[in-house]
Amino acid sequence: MARFSSLNVLTPSGAIGAGESFSNSVKTEAARDARVFVDVTAIAGGATLDVQVQISPDNTTWFDAEGGAFNQIVAVGSSVLAMAEEKISTWLRLKYNRAGGAITASAKLEVKQGV
């Protein structure tokens, strides 16, 4: 039975840049399922953060994952998004779009490996 076994840091704790930015990419080949965690520890100045899971077959060309959008983040707290196997590609990353004031956040990816 497969279980969640691999925890990868997509974005270390720190300020999220204004406008569009991206997390580190993680190879998710052979992943059965994935959970993406976004933890916002500070938010100021009416900031908002849109987070979208992106997938890639080659770590070069990126696509927004179907069902991979978080609800817009407007307050301190944690959010999690579950991704089923058919929504996961060989590579995964997050696309951020921050508007307004400052946001401090981190993100992690947990994947379920195996058959």
N, C-alpha and C. Protein backbone atom coordinates (compact mmCIF):
# COMPACT_ATOMS: atom_id res chain seq x y z
N MET A 1 0.83 -1.18 0.00
CA MET A 1 0.00 0.00 0.00
C MET A 1 0.89 1.25 0.00
N ALA A 2 0.64 2.14 -0.91
CA ALA A 2 1.42 3.38 -1.00
C ALA A 2 0.98 4.34 0.09
N ARG A 3 1.92 5.16 0.57
CA ARG A 3 1.59 6.18 1.55
C ARG A 3 2.39 7.43 1.26
N PHE A 4 1.98 8.54 1.84
CA PHE A 4 2.72 9.77 1.64
C PHE A 4 4.06 9.63 2.31
N SER A 5 5.12 9.81 1.51
CA SER A 5 6.44 9.50 2.04
C SER A 5 7.51 10.52 1.72
N SER A 6 7.24 11.41 0.83
CA SER A 6 8.28 12.34 0.39
C SER A 6 7.80 13.77 0.59
N LEU A 7 8.57 14.55 1.39
CA LEU A 7 8.23 15.95 1.62
C LEU A 7 9.29 16.82 0.99
N ASN A 8 8.89 17.68 0.09
CA ASN A 8 9.81 18.54 -0.65
C ASN A 8 9.47 20.00 -0.40
N VAL A 9 10.49 20.82 -0.21
CA VAL A 9 10.28 22.25 -0.02
C VAL A 9 10.19 22.89 -1.40
N LEU A 10 9.04 23.48 -1.69
CA LEU A 10 8.86 24.21 -2.94
C LEU A 10 9.34 25.65 -2.78
N THR A 11 9.00 26.26 -1.66
CA THR A 11 9.39 27.63 -1.37
C THR A 11 9.78 27.72 0.10
N PRO A 12 11.06 28.03 0.39
CA PRO A 12 11.43 28.21 1.79
C PRO A 12 10.72 29.43 2.37
N SER A 13 10.59 29.48 3.67
CA SER A 13 9.92 30.60 4.31
C SER A 13 10.61 31.91 3.96
N GLY A 14 9.82 32.86 3.48
CA GLY A 14 10.37 34.16 3.11
C GLY A 14 9.33 34.99 2.38
N ALA A 15 9.75 36.18 1.99
CA ALA A 15 8.86 37.10 1.29
C ALA A 15 8.56 36.58 -0.12
N ILE A 16 7.30 36.67 -0.51
CA ILE A 16 6.89 36.35 -1.88
C ILE A 16 6.95 37.65 -2.68
N GLY A 17 7.66 37.63 -3.78
CA GLY A 17 7.83 38.83 -4.60
C GLY A 17 6.53 39.34 -5.20
N ALA A 18 6.51 40.62 -5.48
CA ALA A 18 5.33 41.23 -6.11
C ALA A 18 5.18 40.72 -7.54
N GLY A 19 3.94 40.68 -7.99
CA GLY A 19 3.68 40.20 -9.35
C GLY A 19 3.79 38.69 -9.42
N GLU A 20 4.22 38.21 -10.58
CA GLU A 20 4.31 36.77 -10.82
C GLU A 20 5.69 36.24 -10.44
N SER A 21 5.71 35.12 -9.71
CA SER A 21 6.96 34.43 -9.37
C SER A 21 6.67 32.94 -9.28
N PHE A 22 7.74 32.15 -9.14
CA PHE A 22 7.60 30.70 -9.18
C PHE A 22 8.39 30.04 -8.06
N SER A 23 7.90 28.90 -7.60
CA SER A 23 8.61 28.11 -6.60
C SER A 23 9.70 27.29 -7.28
N ASN A 24 10.46 26.57 -6.47
CA ASN A 24 11.37 25.56 -7.01
C ASN A 24 10.51 24.48 -7.69
N SER A 25 11.09 23.78 -8.65
CA SER A 25 10.38 22.65 -9.26
C SER A 25 10.86 21.36 -8.60
N VAL A 26 9.96 20.38 -8.56
CA VAL A 26 10.25 19.08 -7.95
C VAL A 26 9.85 17.99 -8.91
N LYS A 27 10.73 16.99 -9.07
CA LYS A 27 10.42 15.85 -9.93
C LYS A 27 9.41 14.96 -9.21
N THR A 28 8.28 14.71 -9.85
CA THR A 28 7.20 13.95 -9.23
C THR A 28 6.89 12.67 -9.99
N GLU A 29 7.81 12.23 -10.80
CA GLU A 29 7.64 11.00 -11.57
C GLU A 29 7.31 9.85 -10.62
N ALA A 30 6.37 9.01 -10.99
CA ALA A 30 5.91 7.85 -10.23
C ALA A 30 5.07 8.24 -9.02
N ALA A 31 4.66 9.49 -8.93
CA ALA A 31 3.79 9.91 -7.82
C ALA A 31 2.38 9.40 -8.07
N ARG A 32 1.77 8.88 -7.03
CA ARG A 32 0.38 8.42 -7.11
C ARG A 32 -0.58 9.55 -6.79
N ASP A 33 -0.26 10.31 -5.79
CA ASP A 33 -1.06 11.45 -5.35
C ASP A 33 -0.11 12.48 -4.78
N ALA A 34 -0.58 13.70 -4.65
CA ALA A 34 0.25 14.75 -4.06
C ALA A 34 -0.62 15.69 -3.24
N ARG A 35 0.01 16.27 -2.22
CA ARG A 35 -0.63 17.32 -1.42
C ARG A 35 0.33 18.50 -1.39
N VAL A 36 -0.20 19.68 -1.68
CA VAL A 36 0.60 20.90 -1.67
C VAL A 36 0.12 21.75 -0.49
N PHE A 37 1.08 22.17 0.34
CA PHE A 37 0.78 22.97 1.52
C PHE A 37 1.36 24.37 1.34
N VAL A 38 0.57 25.39 1.56
CA VAL A 38 1.04 26.78 1.55
C VAL A 38 0.74 27.35 2.93
N ASP A 39 1.78 27.87 3.58
CA ASP A 39 1.65 28.43 4.92
C ASP A 39 2.02 29.91 4.89
N VAL A 40 1.05 30.78 5.10
CA VAL A 40 1.28 32.22 5.13
C VAL A 40 1.43 32.65 6.59
N THR A 41 2.59 33.24 6.91
CA THR A 41 2.88 33.62 8.30
C THR A 41 2.76 35.12 8.54
N ALA A 42 2.74 35.92 7.48
CA ALA A 42 2.56 37.37 7.63
C ALA A 42 1.95 37.93 6.36
N ILE A 43 1.06 38.89 6.54
CA ILE A 43 0.43 39.54 5.39
C ILE A 43 0.13 40.98 5.79
N ALA A 44 0.38 41.94 4.91
CA ALA A 44 0.20 43.35 5.26
C ALA A 44 -0.25 44.14 4.03
N GLY A 45 -0.82 45.30 4.29
CA GLY A 45 -1.14 46.24 3.23
C GLY A 45 -2.19 45.77 2.25
N GLY A 46 -3.14 44.95 2.71
CA GLY A 46 -4.19 44.49 1.82
C GLY A 46 -3.70 43.53 0.74
N ALA A 47 -2.60 42.83 1.01
CA ALA A 47 -2.02 41.92 0.02
C ALA A 47 -2.95 40.75 -0.27
N THR A 48 -2.87 40.26 -1.49
CA THR A 48 -3.55 39.03 -1.90
C THR A 48 -2.54 38.15 -2.60
N LEU A 49 -2.76 36.84 -2.52
CA LEU A 49 -1.85 35.89 -3.16
C LEU A 49 -2.67 34.83 -3.88
N ASP A 50 -2.43 34.72 -5.18
CA ASP A 50 -3.02 33.64 -5.98
C ASP A 50 -1.93 32.59 -6.17
N VAL A 51 -2.29 31.32 -5.95
CA VAL A 51 -1.34 30.22 -6.07
C VAL A 51 -1.93 29.19 -7.03
N GLN A 52 -1.14 28.81 -8.02
CA GLN A 52 -1.56 27.84 -9.04
C GLN A 52 -0.50 26.76 -9.16
N VAL A 53 -0.89 25.49 -9.06
CA VAL A 53 0.02 24.37 -9.31
C VAL A 53 0.26 24.30 -10.80
N GLN A 54 1.53 24.16 -11.17
CA GLN A 54 1.88 23.97 -12.58
C GLN A 54 2.60 22.64 -12.73
N ILE A 55 2.41 22.01 -13.90
CA ILE A 55 3.06 20.73 -14.20
C ILE A 55 3.85 20.85 -15.50
N SER A 56 4.85 19.97 -15.64
CA SER A 56 5.70 19.99 -16.82
C SER A 56 6.20 18.57 -17.12
N PRO A 57 6.26 18.22 -18.40
CA PRO A 57 6.84 16.92 -18.76
C PRO A 57 8.37 16.95 -18.78
N ASP A 58 8.96 18.17 -18.85
CA ASP A 58 10.41 18.26 -19.09
C ASP A 58 11.13 19.31 -18.24
N ASN A 59 10.45 19.94 -17.29
CA ASN A 59 11.02 20.99 -16.43
C ASN A 59 11.38 22.25 -17.23
N THR A 60 10.81 22.40 -18.42
CA THR A 60 11.05 23.58 -19.26
C THR A 60 9.73 24.24 -19.67
N THR A 61 8.80 23.44 -20.17
CA THR A 61 7.50 23.93 -20.62
C THR A 61 6.48 23.65 -19.52
N TRP A 62 5.81 24.71 -19.05
CA TRP A 62 4.92 24.59 -17.90
C TRP A 62 3.48 24.87 -18.28
N PHE A 63 2.55 24.14 -17.62
CA PHE A 63 1.11 24.28 -17.83
C PHE A 63 0.42 24.36 -16.48
N ASP A 64 -0.64 25.16 -16.40
CA ASP A 64 -1.45 25.17 -15.18
C ASP A 64 -2.14 23.82 -15.04
N ALA A 65 -2.03 23.20 -13.87
CA ALA A 65 -2.65 21.90 -13.62
C ALA A 65 -4.15 22.07 -13.45
N GLU A 66 -4.91 21.20 -14.07
CA GLU A 66 -6.36 21.21 -13.92
C GLU A 66 -6.70 20.97 -12.46
N GLY A 67 -7.54 21.82 -11.89
CA GLY A 67 -7.91 21.68 -10.48
C GLY A 67 -6.79 22.09 -9.53
N GLY A 68 -5.78 22.81 -10.05
CA GLY A 68 -4.60 23.15 -9.26
C GLY A 68 -4.57 24.55 -8.71
N ALA A 69 -5.70 25.24 -8.68
CA ALA A 69 -5.72 26.61 -8.16
C ALA A 69 -6.19 26.61 -6.71
N PHE A 70 -5.44 27.29 -5.86
CA PHE A 70 -5.86 27.52 -4.48
C PHE A 70 -6.88 28.64 -4.47
N ASN A 71 -7.73 28.69 -3.45
CA ASN A 71 -8.55 29.87 -3.24
C ASN A 71 -7.62 31.03 -2.95
N GLN A 72 -7.99 32.24 -3.38
CA GLN A 72 -7.13 33.40 -3.16
C GLN A 72 -6.84 33.56 -1.67
N ILE A 73 -5.57 33.78 -1.35
CA ILE A 73 -5.13 33.92 0.03
C ILE A 73 -5.12 35.40 0.40
N VAL A 74 -5.82 35.74 1.50
CA VAL A 74 -5.92 37.13 1.93
C VAL A 74 -5.62 37.28 3.42
N ALA A 75 -5.26 36.18 4.10
CA ALA A 75 -5.03 36.23 5.54
C ALA A 75 -3.97 35.20 5.93
N VAL A 76 -3.39 35.40 7.11
CA VAL A 76 -2.44 34.44 7.67
C VAL A 76 -3.15 33.11 7.87
N GLY A 77 -2.46 32.01 7.57
CA GLY A 77 -3.04 30.68 7.76
C GLY A 77 -2.42 29.67 6.81
N SER A 78 -2.92 28.46 6.90
CA SER A 78 -2.43 27.36 6.08
C SER A 78 -3.51 26.88 5.12
N SER A 79 -3.07 26.50 3.92
CA SER A 79 -3.97 25.96 2.91
C SER A 79 -3.36 24.67 2.36
N VAL A 80 -4.20 23.73 1.98
CA VAL A 80 -3.71 22.49 1.38
C VAL A 80 -4.56 22.17 0.16
N LEU A 81 -3.90 21.63 -0.85
CA LEU A 81 -4.57 21.24 -2.08
C LEU A 81 -4.13 19.82 -2.43
N ALA A 82 -5.09 18.92 -2.60
CA ALA A 82 -4.79 17.54 -2.97
C ALA A 82 -4.86 17.39 -4.48
N MET A 83 -3.90 16.66 -5.04
CA MET A 83 -3.83 16.42 -6.48
C MET A 83 -3.84 14.91 -6.72
N ALA A 84 -4.74 14.44 -7.58
CA ALA A 84 -4.81 13.02 -7.92
C ALA A 84 -3.77 12.69 -8.98
N GLU A 85 -3.45 11.42 -9.08
CA GLU A 85 -2.40 10.94 -9.99
C GLU A 85 -2.56 11.44 -11.41
N GLU A 86 -3.78 11.44 -11.93
CA GLU A 86 -3.99 11.84 -13.33
C GLU A 86 -3.75 13.33 -13.54
N LYS A 87 -3.63 14.11 -12.47
CA LYS A 87 -3.36 15.55 -12.58
C LYS A 87 -1.88 15.89 -12.42
N ILE A 88 -1.06 14.88 -12.11
CA ILE A 88 0.36 15.10 -11.83
C ILE A 88 1.19 14.69 -13.04
N SER A 89 2.17 15.52 -13.37
CA SER A 89 3.08 15.23 -14.48
C SER A 89 4.44 14.85 -13.90
N THR A 90 5.47 14.86 -14.71
CA THR A 90 6.82 14.51 -14.27
C THR A 90 7.41 15.55 -13.33
N TRP A 91 7.06 16.83 -13.53
CA TRP A 91 7.57 17.93 -12.71
C TRP A 91 6.42 18.76 -12.19
N LEU A 92 6.61 19.36 -11.02
CA LEU A 92 5.58 20.19 -10.42
C LEU A 92 6.23 21.42 -9.79
N ARG A 93 5.56 22.55 -9.87
CA ARG A 93 5.99 23.79 -9.20
C ARG A 93 4.75 24.62 -8.92
N LEU A 94 4.93 25.74 -8.21
CA LEU A 94 3.84 26.66 -7.95
C LEU A 94 4.10 27.98 -8.65
N LYS A 95 3.03 28.58 -9.17
CA LYS A 95 3.08 29.92 -9.72
C LYS A 95 2.35 30.83 -8.74
N TYR A 96 3.03 31.89 -8.32
CA TYR A 96 2.46 32.86 -7.39
C TYR A 96 2.14 34.15 -8.14
N ASN A 97 1.08 34.81 -7.73
CA ASN A 97 0.80 36.16 -8.20
C ASN A 97 0.37 36.97 -6.99
N ARG A 98 1.29 37.83 -6.54
CA ARG A 98 1.02 38.65 -5.35
C ARG A 98 0.66 40.06 -5.76
N ALA A 99 -0.41 40.58 -5.15
CA ALA A 99 -0.81 41.97 -5.38
C ALA A 99 -0.90 42.66 -4.02
N GLY A 100 -0.73 43.97 -4.02
CA GLY A 100 -0.85 44.74 -2.78
C GLY A 100 0.41 44.68 -1.95
N GLY A 101 0.24 44.65 -0.64
CA GLY A 101 1.34 44.71 0.31
C GLY A 101 2.19 43.46 0.36
N ALA A 102 2.87 43.30 1.48
CA ALA A 102 3.85 42.22 1.66
C ALA A 102 3.22 40.93 2.16
N ILE A 103 3.81 39.79 1.74
CA ILE A 103 3.39 38.47 2.21
C ILE A 103 4.64 37.65 2.50
N THR A 104 4.64 36.97 3.65
CA THR A 104 5.68 36.00 3.98
C THR A 104 5.02 34.63 4.01
N ALA A 105 5.60 33.68 3.26
CA ALA A 105 4.97 32.37 3.15
C ALA A 105 6.02 31.30 2.87
N SER A 106 5.59 30.05 2.99
CA SER A 106 6.41 28.90 2.59
C SER A 106 5.47 27.88 1.94
N ALA A 107 6.05 26.95 1.18
CA ALA A 107 5.23 25.92 0.53
C ALA A 107 5.99 24.60 0.51
N LYS A 108 5.25 23.52 0.71
CA LYS A 108 5.84 22.18 0.68
C LYS A 108 4.96 21.28 -0.18
N LEU A 109 5.58 20.24 -0.72
CA LEU A 109 4.90 19.24 -1.53
C LEU A 109 5.12 17.88 -0.89
N GLU A 110 4.04 17.15 -0.68
CA GLU A 110 4.14 15.79 -0.15
C GLU A 110 3.57 14.86 -1.22
N VAL A 111 4.33 13.83 -1.60
CA VAL A 111 3.87 12.94 -2.65
C VAL A 111 3.74 11.51 -2.14
N LYS A 112 2.80 10.79 -2.74
CA LYS A 112 2.61 9.38 -2.46
C LYS A 112 3.25 8.60 -3.59
N GLN A 113 4.23 7.80 -3.29
CA GLN A 113 4.96 7.01 -4.29
C GLN A 113 4.43 5.57 -4.30
N GLY A 114 4.78 4.86 -5.34
CA GLY A 114 4.53 3.43 -5.35
C GLY A 114 3.33 3.02 -6.16
N VAL A 115 3.06 1.72 -6.08
CA VAL A 115 1.99 1.12 -6.87
C VAL A 115 0.77 0.82 -6.04
